[in-house]
């Protein structure tokens, strides 16, 4: 949840609708009042950022010599 909180509010909205609420890109676009392409690019950017953030948070919490 810490990584999700670090996303921008716009990216949080897209992730919430497309991933948590299981909406299609078109449904999320209609709900947010933005083009489908914008939803697609925000979702892609947000997923990449979440991956980086979770990796960074995991690395920061791991003990030297421990298993990741």
PDB file of N, CA and C in Angstrom:
ATOM      1  N   UNK A   1       0.813  -1.185   0.000  1.00  0.00           N
ATOM      2  CA  UNK A   1       0.000   0.000   0.000  1.00  0.00           C
ATOM      3  C   UNK A   1       0.864   1.260   0.000  1.00  0.00           C
ATOM      4  N   UNK A   2       2.043   1.177   0.569  1.00  0.00           N
ATOM      5  CA  UNK A   2       2.925   2.341   0.590  1.00  0.00           C
ATOM      6  C   UNK A   2       3.291   2.774  -0.827  1.00  0.00           C
ATOM      7  N   UNK A   3       3.548   1.808  -1.688  1.00  0.00           N
ATOM      8  CA  UNK A   3       3.898   2.132  -3.074  1.00  0.00           C
ATOM      9  C   UNK A   3       2.723   2.792  -3.781  1.00  0.00           C
ATOM     10  N   UNK A   4       1.511   2.285  -3.573  1.00  0.00           N
ATOM     11  CA  UNK A   4       0.318   2.873  -4.186  1.00  0.00           C
ATOM     12  C   UNK A   4       0.141   4.317  -3.738  1.00  0.00           C
ATOM     13  N   UNK A   5       0.384   4.591  -2.482  1.00  0.00           N
ATOM     14  CA  UNK A   5       0.231   5.943  -1.943  1.00  0.00           C
ATOM     15  C   UNK A   5       1.219   6.923  -2.568  1.00  0.00           C
ATOM     16  N   UNK A   6       2.315   6.415  -3.103  1.00  0.00           N
ATOM     17  CA  UNK A   6       3.321   7.278  -3.725  1.00  0.00           C
ATOM     18  C   UNK A   6       2.990   7.641  -5.178  1.00  0.00           C
ATOM     19  N   UNK A   7       1.978   6.990  -5.741  1.00  0.00           N
ATOM     20  CA  UNK A   7       1.548   7.351  -7.095  1.00  0.00           C
ATOM     21  C   UNK A   7       0.829   8.690  -7.065  1.00  0.00           C
ATOM     22  N   UNK A   8       0.803   9.363  -8.205  1.00  0.00           N
ATOM     23  CA  UNK A   8       0.040  10.600  -8.299  1.00  0.00           C
ATOM     24  C   UNK A   8      -1.445  10.270  -8.169  1.00  0.00           C
ATOM     25  N   UNK A   9      -2.259  11.224  -7.734  1.00  0.00           N
ATOM     26  CA  UNK A   9      -3.700  10.969  -7.626  1.00  0.00           C
ATOM     27  C   UNK A   9      -4.319  10.497  -8.944  1.00  0.00           C
ATOM     28  N   UNK A  10      -3.875  11.044 -10.067  1.00  0.00           N
ATOM     29  CA  UNK A  10      -4.410  10.623 -11.371  1.00  0.00           C
ATOM     30  C   UNK A  10      -4.059   9.163 -11.653  1.00  0.00           C
ATOM     31  N   UNK A  11      -2.833   8.779 -11.331  1.00  0.00           N
ATOM     32  CA  UNK A  11      -2.431   7.387 -11.544  1.00  0.00           C
ATOM     33  C   UNK A  11      -3.154   6.459 -10.571  1.00  0.00           C
ATOM     34  N   UNK A  12      -3.355   6.904  -9.338  1.00  0.00           N
ATOM     35  CA  UNK A  12      -4.119   6.117  -8.371  1.00  0.00           C
ATOM     36  C   UNK A  12      -5.535   5.865  -8.873  1.00  0.00           C
ATOM     37  N   UNK A  13      -6.155   6.892  -9.450  1.00  0.00           N
ATOM     38  CA  UNK A  13      -7.517   6.744  -9.970  1.00  0.00           C
ATOM     39  C   UNK A  13      -7.572   5.667 -11.045  1.00  0.00           C
ATOM     40  N   UNK A  14      -6.640   5.714 -11.978  1.00  0.00           N
ATOM     41  CA  UNK A  14      -6.637   4.758 -13.084  1.00  0.00           C
ATOM     42  C   UNK A  14      -6.384   3.342 -12.569  1.00  0.00           C
ATOM     43  N   UNK A  15      -5.425   3.177 -11.678  1.00  0.00           N
ATOM     44  CA  UNK A  15      -5.138   1.847 -11.127  1.00  0.00           C
ATOM     45  C   UNK A  15      -6.349   1.334 -10.355  1.00  0.00           C
ATOM     46  N   UNK A  16      -6.959   2.185  -9.572  1.00  0.00           N
ATOM     47  CA  UNK A  16      -8.136   1.774  -8.798  1.00  0.00           C
ATOM     48  C   UNK A  16      -9.253   1.267  -9.701  1.00  0.00           C
ATOM     49  N   UNK A  17      -9.529   2.009 -10.762  1.00  0.00           N
ATOM     50  CA  UNK A  17     -10.623   1.624 -11.651  1.00  0.00           C
ATOM     51  C   UNK A  17     -10.289   0.396 -12.493  1.00  0.00           C
ATOM     52  N   UNK A  18      -9.114   0.381 -13.098  1.00  0.00           N
ATOM     53  CA  UNK A  18      -8.766  -0.700 -14.024  1.00  0.00           C
ATOM     54  C   UNK A  18      -8.335  -1.983 -13.328  1.00  0.00           C
ATOM     55  N   UNK A  19      -7.656  -1.867 -12.222  1.00  0.00           N
ATOM     56  CA  UNK A  19      -7.130  -3.060 -11.548  1.00  0.00           C
ATOM     57  C   UNK A  19      -8.048  -3.502 -10.409  1.00  0.00           C
ATOM     58  N   UNK A  20      -8.344  -2.592  -9.502  1.00  0.00           N
ATOM     59  CA  UNK A  20      -9.141  -2.975  -8.334  1.00  0.00           C
ATOM     60  C   UNK A  20     -10.618  -3.154  -8.666  1.00  0.00           C
ATOM     61  N   UNK A  21     -11.150  -2.276  -9.513  1.00  0.00           N
ATOM     62  CA  UNK A  21     -12.569  -2.356  -9.883  1.00  0.00           C
ATOM     63  C   UNK A  21     -12.793  -3.177 -11.153  1.00  0.00           C
ATOM     64  N   UNK A  22     -11.711  -3.610 -11.802  1.00  0.00           N
ATOM     65  CA  UNK A  22     -11.749  -4.447 -12.994  1.00  0.00           C
ATOM     66  C   UNK A  22     -12.535  -3.821 -14.148  1.00  0.00           C
ATOM     67  N   UNK A  23     -12.424  -2.504 -14.295  1.00  0.00           N
ATOM     68  CA  UNK A  23     -13.065  -1.815 -15.420  1.00  0.00           C
ATOM     69  C   UNK A  23     -12.183  -1.933 -16.660  1.00  0.00           C
ATOM     70  N   UNK A  24     -12.826  -1.889 -17.819  1.00  0.00           N
ATOM     71  CA  UNK A  24     -12.073  -1.843 -19.066  1.00  0.00           C
ATOM     72  C   UNK A  24     -11.479  -0.446 -19.216  1.00  0.00           C
ATOM     73  N   UNK A  25     -10.552  -0.307 -20.153  1.00  0.00           N
ATOM     74  CA  UNK A  25      -9.971   1.011 -20.406  1.00  0.00           C
ATOM     75  C   UNK A  25     -11.055   2.000 -20.813  1.00  0.00           C
ATOM     76  N   UNK A  26     -11.990   1.556 -21.651  1.00  0.00           N
ATOM     77  CA  UNK A  26     -13.074   2.429 -22.106  1.00  0.00           C
ATOM     78  C   UNK A  26     -13.992   2.836 -20.950  1.00  0.00           C
ATOM     79  N   UNK A  27     -14.285   1.904 -20.058  1.00  0.00           N
ATOM     80  CA  UNK A  27     -15.133   2.214 -18.907  1.00  0.00           C
ATOM     81  C   UNK A  27     -14.438   3.209 -17.978  1.00  0.00           C
ATOM     82  N   UNK A  28     -13.159   2.995 -17.726  1.00  0.00           N
ATOM     83  CA  UNK A  28     -12.406   3.907 -16.868  1.00  0.00           C
ATOM     84  C   UNK A  28     -12.324   5.285 -17.499  1.00  0.00           C
ATOM     85  N   UNK A  29     -12.114   5.328 -18.809  1.00  0.00           N
ATOM     86  CA  UNK A  29     -12.050   6.606 -19.519  1.00  0.00           C
ATOM     87  C   UNK A  29     -13.363   7.367 -19.378  1.00  0.00           C
ATOM     88  N   UNK A  30     -14.476   6.664 -19.540  1.00  0.00           N
ATOM     89  CA  UNK A  30     -15.786   7.306 -19.398  1.00  0.00           C
ATOM     90  C   UNK A  30     -16.003   7.799 -17.971  1.00  0.00           C
ATOM     91  N   UNK A  31     -15.609   7.000 -16.996  1.00  0.00           N
ATOM     92  CA  UNK A  31     -15.784   7.378 -15.589  1.00  0.00           C
ATOM     93  C   UNK A  31     -14.947   8.602 -15.224  1.00  0.00           C
ATOM     94  N   UNK A  32     -13.760   8.700 -15.821  1.00  0.00           N
ATOM     95  CA  UNK A  32     -12.854   9.808 -15.507  1.00  0.00           C
ATOM     96  C   UNK A  32     -13.029  11.000 -16.448  1.00  0.00           C
ATOM     97  N   UNK A  33     -13.750  10.791 -17.549  1.00  0.00           N
ATOM     98  CA  UNK A  33     -13.947  11.867 -18.514  1.00  0.00           C
ATOM     99  C   UNK A  33     -12.697  12.222 -19.292  1.00  0.00           C
ATOM    100  N   UNK A  34     -11.889  11.189 -19.587  1.00  0.00           N
ATOM    101  CA  UNK A  34     -10.646  11.390 -20.342  1.00  0.00           C
ATOM    102  C   UNK A  34     -10.595  10.381 -21.481  1.00  0.00           C
ATOM    103  N   UNK A  35      -9.743  10.613 -22.490  1.00  0.00           N
ATOM    104  CA  UNK A  35      -9.635   9.667 -23.608  1.00  0.00           C
ATOM    105  C   UNK A  35      -9.084   8.299 -23.168  1.00  0.00           C
ATOM    106  N   UNK A  36      -9.499   7.272 -23.877  1.00  0.00           N
ATOM    107  CA  UNK A  36      -9.039   5.916 -23.588  1.00  0.00           C
ATOM    108  C   UNK A  36      -7.518   5.815 -23.676  1.00  0.00           C
ATOM    109  N   UNK A  37      -6.920   6.486 -24.633  1.00  0.00           N
ATOM    110  CA  UNK A  37      -5.467   6.462 -24.771  1.00  0.00           C
ATOM    111  C   UNK A  37      -4.756   7.032 -23.556  1.00  0.00           C
ATOM    112  N   UNK A  38      -5.365   8.024 -22.936  1.00  0.00           N
ATOM    113  CA  UNK A  38      -4.789   8.613 -21.721  1.00  0.00           C
ATOM    114  C   UNK A  38      -4.846   7.609 -20.571  1.00  0.00           C
ATOM    115  N   UNK A  39      -5.947   6.891 -20.469  1.00  0.00           N
ATOM    116  CA  UNK A  39      -6.068   5.852 -19.439  1.00  0.00           C
ATOM    117  C   UNK A  39      -4.994   4.793 -19.665  1.00  0.00           C
ATOM    118  N   UNK A  40      -4.833   4.376 -20.915  1.00  0.00           N
ATOM    119  CA  UNK A  40      -3.847   3.340 -21.242  1.00  0.00           C
ATOM    120  C   UNK A  40      -2.435   3.776 -20.881  1.00  0.00           C
ATOM    121  N   UNK A  41      -2.086   5.012 -21.216  1.00  0.00           N
ATOM    122  CA  UNK A  41      -0.724   5.476 -20.919  1.00  0.00           C
ATOM    123  C   UNK A  41      -0.519   5.671 -19.415  1.00  0.00           C
ATOM    124  N   UNK A  42      -1.527   6.197 -18.721  1.00  0.00           N
ATOM    125  CA  UNK A  42      -1.400   6.357 -17.262  1.00  0.00           C
ATOM    126  C   UNK A  42      -1.284   5.014 -16.568  1.00  0.00           C
ATOM    127  N   UNK A  43      -2.062   4.039 -17.027  1.00  0.00           N
ATOM    128  CA  UNK A  43      -2.012   2.714 -16.414  1.00  0.00           C
ATOM    129  C   UNK A  43      -0.646   2.072 -16.634  1.00  0.00           C
ATOM    130  N   UNK A  44      -0.128   2.197 -17.831  1.00  0.00           N
ATOM    131  CA  UNK A  44       1.194   1.645 -18.129  1.00  0.00           C
ATOM    132  C   UNK A  44       2.268   2.306 -17.266  1.00  0.00           C
ATOM    133  N   UNK A  45       2.214   3.633 -17.180  1.00  0.00           N
ATOM    134  CA  UNK A  45       3.184   4.374 -16.379  1.00  0.00           C
ATOM    135  C   UNK A  45       3.048   4.004 -14.893  1.00  0.00           C
ATOM    136  N   UNK A  46       1.817   3.889 -14.421  1.00  0.00           N
ATOM    137  CA  UNK A  46       1.587   3.569 -13.006  1.00  0.00           C
ATOM    138  C   UNK A  46       2.081   2.168 -12.669  1.00  0.00           C
ATOM    139  N   UNK A  47       1.840   1.208 -13.553  1.00  0.00           N
ATOM    140  CA  UNK A  47       2.314  -0.163 -13.303  1.00  0.00           C
ATOM    141  C   UNK A  47       3.836  -0.208 -13.236  1.00  0.00           C
ATOM    142  N   UNK A  48       4.489   0.506 -14.148  1.00  0.00           N
ATOM    143  CA  UNK A  48       5.952   0.547 -14.145  1.00  0.00           C
ATOM    144  C   UNK A  48       6.464   1.197 -12.863  1.00  0.00           C
ATOM    145  N   UNK A  49       5.823   2.281 -12.447  1.00  0.00           N
ATOM    146  CA  UNK A  49       6.232   2.971 -11.217  1.00  0.00           C
ATOM    147  C   UNK A  49       6.002   2.076  -9.997  1.00  0.00           C
ATOM    148  N   UNK A  50       4.880   1.381  -9.950  1.00  0.00           N
ATOM    149  CA  UNK A  50       4.620   0.473  -8.833  1.00  0.00           C
ATOM    150  C   UNK A  50       5.673  -0.620  -8.757  1.00  0.00           C
ATOM    151  N   UNK A  51       6.061  -1.138  -9.905  1.00  0.00           N
ATOM    152  CA  UNK A  51       7.101  -2.168  -9.928  1.00  0.00           C
ATOM    153  C   UNK A  51       8.408  -1.628  -9.374  1.00  0.00           C
ATOM    154  N   UNK A  52       8.791  -0.425  -9.835  1.00  0.00           N
ATOM    155  CA  UNK A  52      10.026   0.198  -9.323  1.00  0.00           C
ATOM    156  C   UNK A  52       9.916   0.463  -7.819  1.00  0.00           C
ATOM    157  N   UNK A  53       8.793   1.008  -7.391  1.00  0.00           N
ATOM    158  CA  UNK A  53       8.625   1.349  -5.975  1.00  0.00           C
ATOM    159  C   UNK A  53       8.638   0.108  -5.087  1.00  0.00           C
ATOM    160  N   UNK A  54       7.947  -0.944  -5.513  1.00  0.00           N
ATOM    161  CA  UNK A  54       7.925  -2.147  -4.677  1.00  0.00           C
ATOM    162  C   UNK A  54       9.297  -2.798  -4.631  1.00  0.00           C
ATOM    163  N   UNK A  55      10.029  -2.741  -5.729  1.00  0.00           N
ATOM    164  CA  UNK A  55      11.395  -3.267  -5.739  1.00  0.00           C
ATOM    165  C   UNK A  55      12.282  -2.446  -4.811  1.00  0.00           C
ATOM    166  N   UNK A  56      12.158  -1.112  -4.895  1.00  0.00           N
ATOM    167  CA  UNK A  56      12.945  -0.235  -4.026  1.00  0.00           C
ATOM    168  C   UNK A  56      12.603  -0.455  -2.560  1.00  0.00           C
ATOM    169  N   UNK A  57      11.329  -0.579  -2.245  1.00  0.00           N
ATOM    170  CA  UNK A  57      10.911  -0.785  -0.859  1.00  0.00           C
ATOM    171  C   UNK A  57      11.368  -2.131  -0.339  1.00  0.00           C
ATOM    172  N   UNK A  58      11.318  -3.156  -1.196  1.00  0.00           N
ATOM    173  CA  UNK A  58      11.777  -4.486  -0.798  1.00  0.00           C
ATOM    174  C   UNK A  58      13.267  -4.491  -0.571  1.00  0.00           C
ATOM    175  N   UNK A  59      14.015  -3.853  -1.483  1.00  0.00           N
ATOM    176  CA  UNK A  59      15.473  -3.779  -1.338  1.00  0.00           C
ATOM    177  C   UNK A  59      15.859  -3.007  -0.082  1.00  0.00           C
ATOM    178  N   UNK A  60      15.145  -1.929   0.204  1.00  0.00           N
ATOM    179  CA  UNK A  60      15.456  -1.115   1.372  1.00  0.00           C
ATOM    180  C   UNK A  60      15.199  -1.851   2.675  1.00  0.00           C
ATOM    181  N   UNK A  61      14.267  -2.794   2.650  1.00  0.00           N
ATOM    182  CA  UNK A  61      13.923  -3.530   3.868  1.00  0.00           C
ATOM    183  C   UNK A  61      14.651  -4.839   4.027  1.00  0.00           C
ATOM    184  N   UNK A  62      15.426  -5.240   3.022  1.00  0.00           N
ATOM    185  CA  UNK A  62      16.103  -6.532   3.119  1.00  0.00           C
ATOM    186  C   UNK A  62      17.396  -6.408   3.924  1.00  0.00           C
ATOM    187  N   UNK A  63      17.717  -7.494   4.570  1.00  0.00           N
ATOM    188  CA  UNK A  63      18.923  -7.556   5.392  1.00  0.00           C
ATOM    189  C   UNK A  63      20.088  -7.990   4.524  1.00  0.00           C
ATOM    190  N   UNK A  64      21.234  -7.389   4.729  1.00  0.00           N
ATOM    191  CA  UNK A  64      22.424  -7.745   3.946  1.00  0.00           C
ATOM    192  C   UNK A  64      22.702  -9.225   4.090  1.00  0.00           C
ATOM    193  N   UNK A  65      22.820  -9.877   2.937  1.00  0.00           N
ATOM    194  CA  UNK A  65      23.084 -11.308   2.937  1.00  0.00           C
ATOM    195  C   UNK A  65      21.830 -12.151   2.986  1.00  0.00           C
ATOM    196  N   UNK A  66      20.681 -11.505   3.149  1.00  0.00           N
ATOM    197  CA  UNK A  66      19.420 -12.250   3.212  1.00  0.00           C
ATOM    198  C   UNK A  66      18.913 -12.584   1.828  1.00  0.00           C
ATOM    199  N   UNK A  67      17.919 -13.406   1.790  1.00  0.00           N
ATOM    200  CA  UNK A  67      17.291 -13.813   0.532  1.00  0.00           C
ATOM    201  C   UNK A  67      16.228 -12.803   0.182  1.00  0.00           C
ATOM    202  N   UNK A  68      16.204 -12.400  -1.092  1.00  0.00           N
ATOM    203  CA  UNK A  68      15.189 -11.442  -1.556  1.00  0.00           C
ATOM    204  C   UNK A  68      13.970 -12.166  -2.032  1.00  0.00           C
TER     205      UNK A  68
END
